[in-house]
C-alpha atoms as a PDB file:
ATOM      1  CA  MET A   1      12.143 -33.082 -10.183  1.00  0.00           C
ATOM      2  CA  PHE A   2       9.902 -36.171 -11.379  1.00  0.00           C
ATOM      3  CA  ARG A   3       8.518 -36.679  -7.864  1.00  0.00           C
ATOM      4  CA  ARG A   4       7.140 -33.268  -7.797  1.00  0.00           C
ATOM      5  CA  THR A   5       5.515 -33.650 -10.828  1.00  0.00           C
ATOM      6  CA  PHE A   6       4.162 -37.078 -10.287  1.00  0.00           C
ATOM      7  CA  TRP A   7       2.754 -35.752  -6.970  1.00  0.00           C
ATOM      8  CA  PHE A   8       1.149 -32.507  -8.679  1.00  0.00           C
ATOM      9  CA  SER A   9      -0.362 -34.351 -11.216  1.00  0.00           C
ATOM     10  CA  ALA A  10      -1.839 -37.056  -8.589  1.00  0.00           C
ATOM     11  CA  GLY A  11      -2.921 -33.985  -6.542  1.00  0.00           C
ATOM     12  CA  ALA A  12      -4.626 -32.382  -9.824  1.00  0.00           C
ATOM     13  CA  ALA A  13      -6.505 -35.804 -10.761  1.00  0.00           C
ATOM     14  CA  ALA A  14      -7.534 -36.125  -7.198  1.00  0.00           C
ATOM     15  CA  GLY A  15      -9.065 -32.919  -7.159  1.00  0.00           C
ATOM     16  CA  VAL A  16     -10.940 -33.259 -10.509  1.00  0.00           C
ATOM     17  CA  TRP A  17     -12.324 -36.552  -9.512  1.00  0.00           C
ATOM     18  CA  ALA A  18     -13.391 -35.165  -6.185  1.00  0.00           C
ATOM     19  CA  THR A  19     -14.970 -32.218  -7.911  1.00  0.00           C
ATOM     20  CA  THR A  20     -16.664 -34.328 -10.603  1.00  0.00           C
ATOM     21  CA  LYS A  21     -18.064 -36.623  -7.547  1.00  0.00           C
ATOM     22  CA  VAL A  22     -19.269 -33.717  -5.440  1.00  0.00           C
ATOM     23  CA  ASN A  23     -21.014 -31.937  -8.531  1.00  0.00           C
ATOM     24  CA  ARG A  24     -22.728 -34.917  -9.429  1.00  0.00           C
ATOM     25  CA  LYS A  25     -24.013 -35.703  -6.247  1.00  0.00           C
ATOM     26  CA  LEU A  26     -25.323 -31.907  -5.683  1.00  0.00           C
ATOM     27  CA  LYS A  27     -27.004 -32.344  -9.209  1.00  0.00           C
ATOM     28  CA  GLN A  28     -28.631 -35.494  -7.524  1.00  0.00           C
ATOM     29  CA  LEU A  29     -29.926 -33.673  -4.621  1.00  0.00           C
ATOM     30  CA  THR A  30     -31.886 -30.643  -6.200  1.00  0.00           C
ATOM     31  CA  PRO A  31     -35.366 -30.628  -6.017  1.00  0.00           C
ATOM     32  CA  GLU A  32     -36.190 -31.395  -9.643  1.00  0.00           C
ATOM     33  CA  SER A  33     -34.092 -34.645  -9.302  1.00  0.00           C
ATOM     34  CA  LEU A  34     -35.607 -35.725  -6.033  1.00  0.00           C
ATOM     35  CA  ALA A  35     -38.592 -35.415  -7.478  1.00  0.00           C
ATOM     36  CA  ALA A  36     -37.905 -37.131 -10.669  1.00  0.00           C
ATOM     37  CA  GLN A  37     -36.675 -40.159  -8.575  1.00  0.00           C
ATOM     38  CA  ALA A  38     -39.455 -40.174  -6.431  1.00  0.00           C
ATOM     39  CA  ALA A  39     -42.068 -40.530  -9.565  1.00  0.00           C
ATOM     40  CA  ASN A  40     -39.714 -42.950 -10.719  1.00  0.00           C
ATOM     41  CA  LYS A  41     -39.775 -45.194  -7.546  1.00  0.00           C
ATOM     42  CA  ALA A  42     -43.593 -44.662  -7.415  1.00  0.00           C
ATOM     43  CA  ILE A  43     -43.921 -45.960 -11.091  1.00  0.00           C
ATOM     44  CA  GLU A  44     -41.796 -48.841 -10.152  1.00  0.00           C
ATOM     45  CA  THR A  45     -43.924 -49.875  -6.989  1.00  0.00           C
ATOM     46  CA  GLY A  46     -47.232 -49.030  -8.972  1.00  0.00           C
ATOM     47  CA  HIS A  47     -45.684 -51.825 -11.460  1.00  0.00           C
ATOM     48  CA  ARG A  48     -44.570 -54.186  -8.549  1.00  0.00           C
ATOM     49  CA  LEU A  49     -48.105 -53.977  -7.022  1.00  0.00           C
ATOM     50  CA  LYS A  50     -49.714 -54.594 -10.361  1.00  0.00           C
ATOM     51  CA  ASP A  51     -47.741 -57.779 -11.063  1.00  0.00           C
ATOM     52  CA  PHE A  52     -48.639 -58.923  -7.511  1.00  0.00           C
ATOM     53  CA  ALA A  53     -52.279 -58.627  -8.052  1.00  0.00           C
ATOM     54  CA  LEU A  54     -52.272 -60.212 -11.276  1.00  0.00           C
ATOM     55  CA  GLU A  55     -50.194 -63.129  -9.281  1.00  0.00           C
ATOM     56  CA  ILE A  56     -53.091 -62.985  -6.754  1.00  0.00           C
ATOM     57  CA  ARG A  57     -55.761 -63.298  -9.542  1.00  0.00           C
ATOM     58  CA  ASP A  58     -53.934 -66.370 -11.206  1.00  0.00           C
ATOM     59  CA  GLY A  59     -53.517 -68.366  -8.151  1.00  0.00           C
ATOM     60  CA  MET A  60     -57.285 -67.640  -6.839  1.00  0.00           C
ATOM     61  CA  ALA A  61     -58.444 -68.650 -10.422  1.00  0.00           C
ATOM     62  CA  GLU A  62     -56.108 -71.840 -10.247  1.00  0.00           C
ATOM     63  CA  ARG A  63     -57.431 -72.608  -6.587  1.00  0.00           C
ATOM     64  CA  GLU A  64     -61.084 -72.030  -7.518  1.00  0.00           C
ATOM     65  CA  ALA A  65     -60.735 -74.146 -10.599  1.00  0.00           C
ATOM     66  CA  GLU A  66     -59.234 -77.315  -7.963  1.00  0.00           C
ATOM     67  CA  LEU A  67     -61.881 -76.705  -5.859  1.00  0.00           C
ATOM     68  CA  GLY A  68     -64.392 -76.717  -8.382  1.00  0.00           C
ATOM     69  CA  GLU A  69     -62.793 -80.015  -9.701  1.00  0.00           C
ATOM     70  CA  ALA A  70     -62.869 -81.413  -6.177  1.00  0.00           C
ATOM     71  CA  LEU A  71     -66.445 -80.561  -5.474  1.00  0.00           C
ATOM     72  CA  GLY A  72     -67.534 -81.902  -8.999  1.00  0.00           C
ATOM     73  CA  LEU A  73     -68.521 -78.660 -10.295  1.00  0.00           C
ATOM     74  CA  ARG A  74     -67.048 -78.766 -13.636  1.00  0.00           C
ATOM     75  CA  ASP A  75     -69.844 -76.889 -15.517  1.00  0.00           C
ATOM     76  CA  HIS A  76     -69.340 -73.205 -16.504  1.00  0.00           C
ATOM     77  CA  PRO A  77     -70.787 -70.751 -14.200  1.00  0.00           C
ATOM     78  CA  ASP A  78     -72.745 -68.884 -16.858  1.00  0.00           C
ATOM     79  CA  ALA A  79     -73.984 -71.625 -18.494  1.00  0.00           C
ATOM     80  CA  GLU A  80     -77.636 -71.786 -17.876  1.00  0.00           C
ATOM     81  CA  LEU A  81     -78.270 -69.351 -14.897  1.00  0.00           C
ATOM     82  CA  PRO A  82     -81.994 -69.276 -13.781  1.00  0.00           C
ATOM     83  CA  PRO A  83     -84.098 -66.291 -14.314  1.00  0.00           C
ATOM     84  CA  SER A  84     -84.131 -63.545 -12.079  1.00  0.00           C
ATOM     85  CA  ARG A  85     -86.620 -63.589  -9.190  1.00  0.00           C
ATOM     86  CA  ARG A  86     -87.737 -60.443  -9.916  1.00  0.00           C
ATOM     87  CA  PHE A  87     -88.650 -60.760 -13.454  1.00  0.00           C
ATOM     88  CA  ALA A  88     -90.008 -64.128 -12.720  1.00  0.00           C
ATOM     89  CA  VAL A  89     -92.457 -62.385 -10.557  1.00  0.00           C
ATOM     90  CA  ILE A  90     -93.289 -59.539 -12.916  1.00  0.00           C
ATOM     91  CA  GLU A  91     -93.801 -62.082 -15.534  1.00  0.00           C
ATOM     92  CA  ASN A  92     -96.373 -64.117 -13.118  1.00  0.00           C
ATOM     93  CA  HIS A  93     -98.241 -60.785 -12.045  1.00  0.00           C
ATOM     94  CA  SER A  94     -98.909 -59.940 -15.655  1.00  0.00           C
ATOM     95  CA  SER A  95     -99.947 -63.392 -16.903  1.00  0.00           C
ATOM     96  CA  ASN A  96    -102.205 -63.455 -13.787  1.00  0.00           C
ATOM     97  CA  LYS A  97    -104.404 -59.985 -14.243  1.00  0.00           C
ATOM     98  CA  ASN A  98    -107.209 -61.855 -13.275  1.00  0.00           C
ATOM     99  CA  HIS A  99    -105.847 -62.360  -9.624  1.00  0.00           C
ATOM    100  CA  THR A 100    -105.937 -59.506  -7.381  1.00  0.00           C
ATOM    101  CA  LYS A 101    -103.587 -60.669  -4.777  1.00  0.00           C
ATOM    102  CA  THR A 102    -100.023 -61.854  -6.276  1.00  0.00           C
ATOM    103  CA  GLN A 103     -98.469 -64.217  -3.625  1.00  0.00           C
ATOM    104  CA  TYR A 104     -94.620 -63.374  -2.591  1.00  0.00           C
ATOM    105  CA  ASN A 105     -92.826 -65.486  -0.654  1.00  0.00           C
ATOM    106  CA  TRP A 106     -91.660 -63.226   2.178  1.00  0.00           C
ATOM    107  CA  ASN A 107     -88.839 -65.534   3.732  1.00  0.00           C
ATOM    108  CA  GLU A 108     -86.309 -65.338   0.504  1.00  0.00           C
ATOM    109  CA  ASP A 109     -83.255 -63.446   1.203  1.00  0.00           C
ATOM    110  CA  HIS A 110     -83.182 -60.470  -1.255  1.00  0.00           C
END
């Protein structure tokens, strides 16, 4: 009698366990669930790519600083930039109104 009750209970428990497992798996395979999983993976991948890009940018800045030290370029790149060539030509042209011909250096790369 106890033997039958034991096996009946064990079978019922196994059936409940299997039914729950199958229902969970079926819910995971619904279109809504698959779409949510794909969106989560895409967001996770985006975060990983962003972190990778930030690491690359930090490495580039570090390497640029190393090269700047090695070459003796310790000044800040934006400290004093020369005036733009275009504005220098315009200023030169406006200050020399008596001259009819403006001299250009056609060999410069623009």
